[in-house]
Amino acid sequence: MIQRIQTLFLLGALILMTLLFFFPLAELIDTANNSYSFIYRGIPSLKEGEAMIFKAYPIAILILVIVLNLIVTIFSYKKRMRQIRLTVFNIFCMLGVVGLIYYNVNSQLEPMQAIANYSIINAFPLISVVLSYLAIRSIGKDEAMIRSMDRIR
């Protein structure tokens, strides 16, 4: 399982998508020079115990779905067609995460009168899309090889 190149591509995508849970996605700086971190679940308050300024739970749910789907995809190595379908679904979800992040950050710029500084972490879903595409190509090559072996018998 781990010796297949598509598993390594999917594992790389899994690691990159998991890192979204641990680093801020953007930093918003308002006119009073207060710095707010936009993390995967929204913008937390600067003071302890206060409610969140903005909740972005759809982003958190979608990232969780992607991570779980990548785990299922890695462990369904015996069913290559299902692996391809799950990976295609993951690609669309990753592009959706990128769109949701930018939409949610930009929707908070006007009410907070802030400027957004995006983190390099925002490129991780796009890199994961490329890795997933490479995994699909490798899975397709494996499937073609298996079908050609079946024809010979």
N, C-alpha and C. Protein backbone atom coordinates (compact mmCIF):
# COMPACT_ATOMS: atom_id res chain seq x y z
N MET A 1 0.83 -1.19 0.00
CA MET A 1 0.00 0.00 0.00
C MET A 1 0.87 1.25 0.00
N ILE A 2 1.78 1.40 0.94
CA ILE A 2 2.57 2.64 1.05
C ILE A 2 3.62 2.73 -0.05
N GLN A 3 3.95 1.58 -0.66
CA GLN A 3 4.98 1.63 -1.69
C GLN A 3 4.46 2.16 -3.02
N ARG A 4 3.15 2.31 -3.16
CA ARG A 4 2.60 2.85 -4.40
C ARG A 4 2.72 4.37 -4.38
N ILE A 5 3.06 4.92 -5.53
CA ILE A 5 3.33 6.36 -5.62
C ILE A 5 2.07 7.17 -5.35
N GLN A 6 0.89 6.65 -5.76
CA GLN A 6 -0.33 7.41 -5.52
C GLN A 6 -0.64 7.51 -4.03
N THR A 7 -0.23 6.53 -3.27
CA THR A 7 -0.42 6.60 -1.82
C THR A 7 0.44 7.72 -1.23
N LEU A 8 1.62 7.88 -1.75
CA LEU A 8 2.49 8.96 -1.27
C LEU A 8 1.93 10.32 -1.65
N PHE A 9 1.36 10.42 -2.86
CA PHE A 9 0.73 11.68 -3.26
C PHE A 9 -0.46 12.00 -2.35
N LEU A 10 -1.29 10.99 -2.08
CA LEU A 10 -2.45 11.21 -1.22
C LEU A 10 -2.03 11.50 0.21
N LEU A 11 -0.97 10.87 0.66
CA LEU A 11 -0.47 11.14 2.01
C LEU A 11 0.07 12.56 2.11
N GLY A 12 0.72 13.04 1.07
CA GLY A 12 1.18 14.43 1.05
C GLY A 12 0.02 15.40 1.11
N ALA A 13 -1.03 15.11 0.35
CA ALA A 13 -2.23 15.95 0.39
C ALA A 13 -2.88 15.92 1.76
N LEU A 14 -2.89 14.75 2.39
CA LEU A 14 -3.46 14.62 3.73
C LEU A 14 -2.69 15.46 4.75
N ILE A 15 -1.39 15.43 4.67
CA ILE A 15 -0.56 16.21 5.60
C ILE A 15 -0.79 17.71 5.39
N LEU A 16 -0.83 18.13 4.13
CA LEU A 16 -1.03 19.56 3.84
C LEU A 16 -2.41 20.03 4.31
N MET A 17 -3.43 19.23 4.10
CA MET A 17 -4.77 19.62 4.52
C MET A 17 -4.91 19.59 6.03
N THR A 18 -4.21 18.70 6.70
CA THR A 18 -4.25 18.65 8.17
C THR A 18 -3.59 19.87 8.77
N LEU A 19 -2.57 20.40 8.10
CA LEU A 19 -1.88 21.59 8.60
C LEU A 19 -2.77 22.82 8.64
N LEU A 20 -3.87 22.81 7.88
CA LEU A 20 -4.79 23.95 7.91
C LEU A 20 -5.44 24.11 9.28
N PHE A 21 -5.51 23.03 10.06
CA PHE A 21 -6.09 23.10 11.39
C PHE A 21 -5.17 23.79 12.40
N PHE A 22 -3.89 23.88 12.10
CA PHE A 22 -2.93 24.32 13.10
C PHE A 22 -2.35 25.72 12.88
N PHE A 23 -2.55 26.29 11.71
CA PHE A 23 -1.97 27.59 11.41
C PHE A 23 -3.06 28.58 11.00
N PRO A 24 -2.88 29.87 11.29
CA PRO A 24 -3.87 30.86 10.85
C PRO A 24 -3.86 31.00 9.33
N LEU A 25 -5.06 31.18 8.77
CA LEU A 25 -5.20 31.28 7.32
C LEU A 25 -4.98 32.69 6.82
N ALA A 26 -5.31 33.67 7.65
CA ALA A 26 -5.14 35.07 7.28
C ALA A 26 -5.04 35.90 8.54
N GLU A 27 -4.53 37.10 8.38
CA GLU A 27 -4.45 38.05 9.49
C GLU A 27 -5.16 39.32 9.05
N LEU A 28 -6.08 39.77 9.87
CA LEU A 28 -6.82 40.99 9.58
C LEU A 28 -6.34 42.09 10.52
N ILE A 29 -5.95 43.22 9.97
CA ILE A 29 -5.46 44.35 10.76
C ILE A 29 -6.44 45.50 10.56
N ASP A 30 -7.06 45.94 11.65
CA ASP A 30 -8.05 47.01 11.54
C ASP A 30 -7.39 48.37 11.66
N THR A 31 -8.21 49.44 11.63
CA THR A 31 -7.68 50.80 11.64
C THR A 31 -7.04 51.17 12.98
N ALA A 32 -7.45 50.48 14.06
CA ALA A 32 -6.85 50.73 15.37
C ALA A 32 -5.57 49.92 15.56
N ASN A 33 -5.11 49.28 14.50
CA ASN A 33 -3.90 48.47 14.50
C ASN A 33 -4.02 47.20 15.35
N ASN A 34 -5.25 46.72 15.55
CA ASN A 34 -5.47 45.43 16.21
C ASN A 34 -5.33 44.34 15.17
N SER A 35 -4.69 43.27 15.55
CA SER A 35 -4.45 42.16 14.65
C SER A 35 -5.35 40.98 15.04
N TYR A 36 -6.17 40.52 14.10
CA TYR A 36 -7.06 39.38 14.31
C TYR A 36 -6.60 38.24 13.42
N SER A 37 -6.54 37.05 13.96
CA SER A 37 -6.17 35.87 13.18
C SER A 37 -7.42 35.17 12.69
N PHE A 38 -7.47 34.90 11.40
CA PHE A 38 -8.56 34.11 10.83
C PHE A 38 -8.09 32.67 10.80
N ILE A 39 -8.65 31.84 11.68
CA ILE A 39 -8.29 30.42 11.72
C ILE A 39 -9.38 29.61 11.05
N TYR A 40 -9.24 28.30 11.05
CA TYR A 40 -10.15 27.44 10.30
C TYR A 40 -11.59 27.54 10.78
N ARG A 41 -11.85 27.96 11.99
CA ARG A 41 -13.23 28.03 12.49
C ARG A 41 -13.74 29.46 12.63
N GLY A 42 -12.95 30.45 12.25
CA GLY A 42 -13.41 31.83 12.26
C GLY A 42 -12.39 32.78 12.85
N ILE A 43 -12.91 33.92 13.36
CA ILE A 43 -12.05 34.93 13.97
C ILE A 43 -12.35 34.97 15.47
N PRO A 44 -11.42 34.48 16.28
CA PRO A 44 -11.66 34.53 17.73
C PRO A 44 -11.49 35.95 18.27
N SER A 45 -12.11 36.19 19.41
CA SER A 45 -12.01 37.49 20.05
C SER A 45 -10.61 37.69 20.61
N LEU A 46 -10.21 38.94 20.77
CA LEU A 46 -8.89 39.22 21.33
C LEU A 46 -8.85 38.97 22.83
N LYS A 47 -10.02 39.05 23.49
CA LYS A 47 -10.08 38.84 24.94
C LYS A 47 -10.57 37.44 25.25
N GLU A 48 -10.03 36.85 26.30
CA GLU A 48 -10.44 35.51 26.72
C GLU A 48 -11.87 35.52 27.23
N GLY A 49 -12.60 34.48 26.93
CA GLY A 49 -13.94 34.33 27.45
C GLY A 49 -15.02 35.01 26.64
N GLU A 50 -14.68 35.83 25.69
CA GLU A 50 -15.68 36.49 24.86
C GLU A 50 -16.02 35.61 23.66
N ALA A 51 -17.17 35.87 23.08
CA ALA A 51 -17.61 35.10 21.92
C ALA A 51 -16.73 35.41 20.71
N MET A 52 -16.77 34.50 19.76
CA MET A 52 -15.99 34.70 18.54
C MET A 52 -16.56 35.88 17.76
N ILE A 53 -15.69 36.61 17.09
CA ILE A 53 -16.12 37.74 16.28
C ILE A 53 -16.85 37.26 15.03
N PHE A 54 -16.34 36.21 14.41
CA PHE A 54 -16.94 35.64 13.21
C PHE A 54 -16.75 34.13 13.24
N LYS A 55 -17.81 33.40 12.97
CA LYS A 55 -17.74 31.94 12.95
C LYS A 55 -17.76 31.45 11.51
N ALA A 56 -16.79 30.63 11.18
CA ALA A 56 -16.68 30.08 9.83
C ALA A 56 -16.68 28.56 9.90
N TYR A 57 -17.73 28.01 10.51
CA TYR A 57 -17.79 26.57 10.66
C TYR A 57 -17.89 25.78 9.37
N PRO A 58 -18.46 26.33 8.28
CA PRO A 58 -18.45 25.56 7.03
C PRO A 58 -17.03 25.24 6.54
N ILE A 59 -16.10 26.14 6.78
CA ILE A 59 -14.71 25.86 6.41
C ILE A 59 -14.17 24.70 7.23
N ALA A 60 -14.41 24.72 8.53
CA ALA A 60 -13.93 23.66 9.40
C ALA A 60 -14.54 22.32 9.02
N ILE A 61 -15.83 22.31 8.72
CA ILE A 61 -16.50 21.06 8.35
C ILE A 61 -15.96 20.54 7.03
N LEU A 62 -15.77 21.42 6.06
CA LEU A 62 -15.28 21.00 4.76
C LEU A 62 -13.84 20.47 4.84
N ILE A 63 -13.01 21.10 5.64
CA ILE A 63 -11.63 20.60 5.81
C ILE A 63 -11.66 19.24 6.49
N LEU A 64 -12.54 19.07 7.47
CA LEU A 64 -12.66 17.77 8.15
C LEU A 64 -13.14 16.69 7.18
N VAL A 65 -14.10 17.03 6.32
CA VAL A 65 -14.58 16.07 5.32
C VAL A 65 -13.45 15.69 4.37
N ILE A 66 -12.65 16.65 3.98
CA ILE A 66 -11.52 16.37 3.07
C ILE A 66 -10.52 15.45 3.74
N VAL A 67 -10.17 15.73 4.98
CA VAL A 67 -9.18 14.90 5.69
C VAL A 67 -9.70 13.47 5.86
N LEU A 68 -10.95 13.33 6.27
CA LEU A 68 -11.51 11.99 6.43
C LEU A 68 -11.62 11.27 5.09
N ASN A 69 -11.98 12.00 4.05
CA ASN A 69 -12.08 11.40 2.72
C ASN A 69 -10.70 10.96 2.22
N LEU A 70 -9.67 11.73 2.52
CA LEU A 70 -8.32 11.33 2.12
C LEU A 70 -7.89 10.07 2.84
N ILE A 71 -8.24 9.94 4.11
CA ILE A 71 -7.90 8.72 4.86
C ILE A 71 -8.60 7.52 4.26
N VAL A 72 -9.89 7.67 3.96
CA VAL A 72 -10.65 6.57 3.34
C VAL A 72 -10.06 6.24 1.97
N THR A 73 -9.68 7.25 1.22
CA THR A 73 -9.11 7.03 -0.10
C THR A 73 -7.79 6.27 -0.03
N ILE A 74 -6.96 6.61 0.93
CA ILE A 74 -5.67 5.92 1.07
C ILE A 74 -5.88 4.45 1.39
N PHE A 75 -6.86 4.15 2.24
CA PHE A 75 -7.06 2.77 2.66
C PHE A 75 -7.97 1.96 1.73
N SER A 76 -8.48 2.56 0.68
CA SER A 76 -9.25 1.79 -0.30
C SER A 76 -8.39 1.51 -1.54
N TYR A 77 -7.16 1.08 -1.30
CA TYR A 77 -6.22 0.86 -2.39
C TYR A 77 -6.56 -0.34 -3.24
N LYS A 78 -7.39 -1.26 -2.76
CA LYS A 78 -7.77 -2.42 -3.55
C LYS A 78 -8.87 -2.11 -4.56
N LYS A 79 -9.59 -1.02 -4.33
CA LYS A 79 -10.69 -0.62 -5.22
C LYS A 79 -10.28 0.69 -5.90
N ARG A 80 -9.63 0.52 -7.03
CA ARG A 80 -9.02 1.67 -7.69
C ARG A 80 -10.04 2.65 -8.26
N MET A 81 -11.15 2.15 -8.80
CA MET A 81 -12.15 3.06 -9.36
C MET A 81 -12.80 3.90 -8.26
N ARG A 82 -13.05 3.30 -7.11
CA ARG A 82 -13.58 4.08 -5.99
C ARG A 82 -12.55 5.11 -5.54
N GLN A 83 -11.29 4.74 -5.56
CA GLN A 83 -10.23 5.65 -5.18
C GLN A 83 -10.19 6.86 -6.11
N ILE A 84 -10.39 6.63 -7.39
CA ILE A 84 -10.42 7.74 -8.36
C ILE A 84 -11.61 8.65 -8.09
N ARG A 85 -12.78 8.06 -7.86
CA ARG A 85 -13.98 8.87 -7.61
C ARG A 85 -13.84 9.71 -6.35
N LEU A 86 -13.33 9.10 -5.29
CA LEU A 86 -13.14 9.84 -4.05
C LEU A 86 -12.13 10.97 -4.21
N THR A 87 -11.11 10.72 -5.00
CA THR A 87 -10.09 11.75 -5.21
C THR A 87 -10.64 12.91 -6.04
N VAL A 88 -11.47 12.61 -7.03
CA VAL A 88 -12.09 13.68 -7.81
C VAL A 88 -13.01 14.52 -6.91
N PHE A 89 -13.79 13.84 -6.06
CA PHE A 89 -14.64 14.56 -5.10
C PHE A 89 -13.78 15.45 -4.19
N ASN A 90 -12.64 14.93 -3.76
CA ASN A 90 -11.74 15.70 -2.90
C ASN A 90 -11.20 16.93 -3.61
N ILE A 91 -10.91 16.82 -4.88
CA ILE A 91 -10.39 17.96 -5.62
C ILE A 91 -11.41 19.09 -5.62
N PHE A 92 -12.68 18.75 -5.87
CA PHE A 92 -13.72 19.78 -5.86
C PHE A 92 -13.88 20.38 -4.46
N CYS A 93 -13.78 19.56 -3.44
CA CYS A 93 -13.88 20.07 -2.06
C CYS A 93 -12.71 20.99 -1.72
N MET A 94 -11.51 20.66 -2.18
CA MET A 94 -10.35 21.50 -1.92
C MET A 94 -10.48 22.86 -2.59
N LEU A 95 -10.99 22.85 -3.82
CA LEU A 95 -11.22 24.12 -4.50
C LEU A 95 -12.31 24.91 -3.78
N GLY A 96 -13.30 24.21 -3.23
CA GLY A 96 -14.33 24.86 -2.44
C GLY A 96 -13.79 25.49 -1.18
N VAL A 97 -12.83 24.84 -0.54
CA VAL A 97 -12.21 25.39 0.67
C VAL A 97 -11.49 26.69 0.34
N VAL A 98 -10.77 26.70 -0.77
CA VAL A 98 -10.06 27.93 -1.17
C VAL A 98 -11.06 29.06 -1.38
N GLY A 99 -12.14 28.76 -2.09
CA GLY A 99 -13.16 29.78 -2.34
C GLY A 99 -13.83 30.25 -1.07
N LEU A 100 -14.14 29.32 -0.16
CA LEU A 100 -14.78 29.69 1.11
C LEU A 100 -13.87 30.57 1.97
N ILE A 101 -12.60 30.24 1.99
CA ILE A 101 -11.66 31.03 2.80
C ILE A 101 -11.62 32.47 2.29
N TYR A 102 -11.43 32.62 0.99
CA TYR A 102 -11.35 33.98 0.44
C TYR A 102 -12.67 34.73 0.58
N TYR A 103 -13.79 34.03 0.40
CA TYR A 103 -15.08 34.69 0.55
C TYR A 103 -15.29 35.15 1.99
N ASN A 104 -15.02 34.26 2.96
CA ASN A 104 -15.25 34.62 4.36
C ASN A 104 -14.31 35.73 4.84
N VAL A 105 -13.06 35.68 4.43
CA VAL A 105 -12.13 36.73 4.83
C VAL A 105 -12.56 38.07 4.22
N ASN A 106 -12.89 38.05 2.93
CA ASN A 106 -13.28 39.30 2.27
C ASN A 106 -14.61 39.83 2.77
N SER A 107 -15.49 38.96 3.25
CA SER A 107 -16.77 39.43 3.78
C SER A 107 -16.59 40.13 5.13
N GLN A 108 -15.49 39.91 5.80
CA GLN A 108 -15.25 40.55 7.09
C GLN A 108 -14.40 41.80 7.00
N LEU A 109 -13.85 42.08 5.85
CA LEU A 109 -13.00 43.27 5.70
C LEU A 109 -13.79 44.56 5.87
N GLU A 110 -14.94 44.65 5.25
CA GLU A 110 -15.75 45.87 5.32
C GLU A 110 -16.30 46.14 6.72
N PRO A 111 -16.95 45.17 7.39
CA PRO A 111 -17.50 45.47 8.72
C PRO A 111 -16.41 45.78 9.76
N MET A 112 -15.26 45.13 9.63
CA MET A 112 -14.19 45.36 10.59
C MET A 112 -13.30 46.52 10.19
N GLN A 113 -13.47 47.04 8.98
CA GLN A 113 -12.60 48.06 8.41
C GLN A 113 -11.13 47.64 8.55
N ALA A 114 -10.86 46.49 7.96
CA ALA A 114 -9.54 45.89 8.13
C ALA A 114 -8.90 45.61 6.77
N ILE A 115 -7.64 45.27 6.84
CA ILE A 115 -6.85 44.86 5.68
C ILE A 115 -6.44 43.41 5.92
N ALA A 116 -6.55 42.59 4.89
CA ALA A 116 -6.22 41.17 5.04
C ALA A 116 -4.82 40.88 4.54
N ASN A 117 -4.10 40.11 5.31
CA ASN A 117 -2.81 39.56 4.90
C ASN A 117 -2.96 38.05 4.89
N TYR A 118 -2.99 37.47 3.70
CA TYR A 118 -3.18 36.03 3.58
C TYR A 118 -1.88 35.30 3.88
N SER A 119 -2.01 34.14 4.48
CA SER A 119 -0.87 33.32 4.83
C SER A 119 -0.51 32.40 3.66
N ILE A 120 0.70 31.91 3.65
CA ILE A 120 1.14 30.96 2.63
C ILE A 120 0.40 29.63 2.79
N ILE A 121 -0.20 29.42 3.95
CA ILE A 121 -0.97 28.21 4.21
C ILE A 121 -2.13 28.09 3.22
N ASN A 122 -2.63 29.20 2.70
CA ASN A 122 -3.73 29.16 1.75
C ASN A 122 -3.36 28.46 0.45
N ALA A 123 -2.10 28.29 0.18
CA ALA A 123 -1.67 27.58 -1.03
C ALA A 123 -1.72 26.07 -0.84
N PHE A 124 -1.82 25.60 0.40
CA PHE A 124 -1.82 24.16 0.66
C PHE A 124 -2.97 23.42 -0.03
N PRO A 125 -4.21 23.94 -0.03
CA PRO A 125 -5.24 23.21 -0.77
C PRO A 125 -4.96 23.14 -2.26
N LEU A 126 -4.36 24.17 -2.83
CA LEU A 126 -4.04 24.14 -4.26
C LEU A 126 -2.92 23.14 -4.55
N ILE A 127 -1.95 23.06 -3.66
CA ILE A 127 -0.89 22.05 -3.82
C ILE A 127 -1.49 20.66 -3.66
N SER A 128 -2.46 20.53 -2.75
CA SER A 128 -3.13 19.24 -2.56
C SER A 128 -3.93 18.85 -3.79
N VAL A 129 -4.49 19.83 -4.50
CA VAL A 129 -5.20 19.54 -5.75
C VAL A 129 -4.24 18.95 -6.77
N VAL A 130 -3.06 19.52 -6.87
CA VAL A 130 -2.05 19.01 -7.81
C VAL A 130 -1.63 17.60 -7.42
N LEU A 131 -1.39 17.38 -6.13
CA LEU A 131 -1.01 16.04 -5.66
C LEU A 131 -2.12 15.03 -5.91
N SER A 132 -3.36 15.45 -5.73
CA SER A 132 -4.50 14.55 -5.98
C SER A 132 -4.61 14.22 -7.47
N TYR A 133 -4.37 15.21 -8.32
CA TYR A 133 -4.39 14.96 -9.75
C TYR A 133 -3.30 13.95 -10.14
N LEU A 134 -2.11 14.11 -9.57
CA LEU A 134 -1.03 13.15 -9.85
C LEU A 134 -1.39 11.76 -9.34
N ALA A 135 -2.09 11.70 -8.22
CA ALA A 135 -2.53 10.41 -7.69
C ALA A 135 -3.54 9.76 -8.64
N ILE A 136 -4.46 10.56 -9.17
CA ILE A 136 -5.45 10.02 -10.12
C ILE A 136 -4.75 9.44 -11.35
N ARG A 137 -3.75 10.14 -11.85
CA ARG A 137 -3.01 9.63 -13.01
C ARG A 137 -2.33 8.32 -12.70
N SER A 138 -1.73 8.21 -11.50
CA SER A 138 -1.05 6.97 -11.12
C SER A 138 -2.04 5.83 -10.90
N ILE A 139 -3.17 6.13 -10.31
CA ILE A 139 -4.20 5.11 -10.11
C ILE A 139 -4.72 4.62 -11.46
N GLY A 140 -4.90 5.54 -12.39
CA GLY A 140 -5.33 5.16 -13.75
C GLY A 140 -4.32 4.26 -14.44
N LYS A 141 -3.04 4.55 -14.25
CA LYS A 141 -2.01 3.69 -14.84
C LYS A 141 -2.05 2.29 -14.24
N ASP A 142 -2.25 2.21 -12.92
CA ASP A 142 -2.37 0.90 -12.27
C ASP A 142 -3.58 0.14 -12.80
N GLU A 143 -4.68 0.82 -12.95
CA GLU A 143 -5.90 0.19 -13.45
C GLU A 143 -5.69 -0.32 -14.87
N ALA A 144 -5.05 0.48 -15.71
CA ALA A 144 -4.78 0.06 -17.09
C ALA A 144 -3.85 -1.15 -17.11
N MET A 145 -2.86 -1.18 -16.23
CA MET A 145 -1.95 -2.31 -16.18
C MET A 145 -2.67 -3.58 -15.73
N ILE A 146 -3.54 -3.48 -14.75
CA ILE A 146 -4.29 -4.63 -14.25
C ILE A 146 -5.23 -5.16 -15.34
N ARG A 147 -5.89 -4.25 -16.05
CA ARG A 147 -6.80 -4.68 -17.13
C ARG A 147 -6.03 -5.34 -18.27
N SER A 148 -4.83 -4.87 -18.56
CA SER A 148 -4.05 -5.50 -19.62
C SER A 148 -3.58 -6.87 -19.20
N MET A 149 -3.30 -7.07 -17.94
CA MET A 149 -2.91 -8.40 -17.43
C MET A 149 -4.10 -9.36 -17.50
N ASP A 150 -5.30 -8.85 -17.23
CA ASP A 150 -6.49 -9.69 -17.31
C ASP A 150 -6.77 -10.12 -18.76
N ARG A 151 -6.46 -9.28 -19.72
CA ARG A 151 -6.66 -9.62 -21.12
C ARG A 151 -5.73 -10.72 -21.57
N ILE A 152 -4.52 -10.74 -21.03
CA ILE A 152 -3.53 -11.73 -21.44
C ILE A 152 -3.95 -13.12 -20.97
N ARG A 153 -4.52 -13.20 -19.75
CA ARG A 153 -4.93 -14.49 -19.23
C ARG A 153 -6.08 -14.97 -20.02
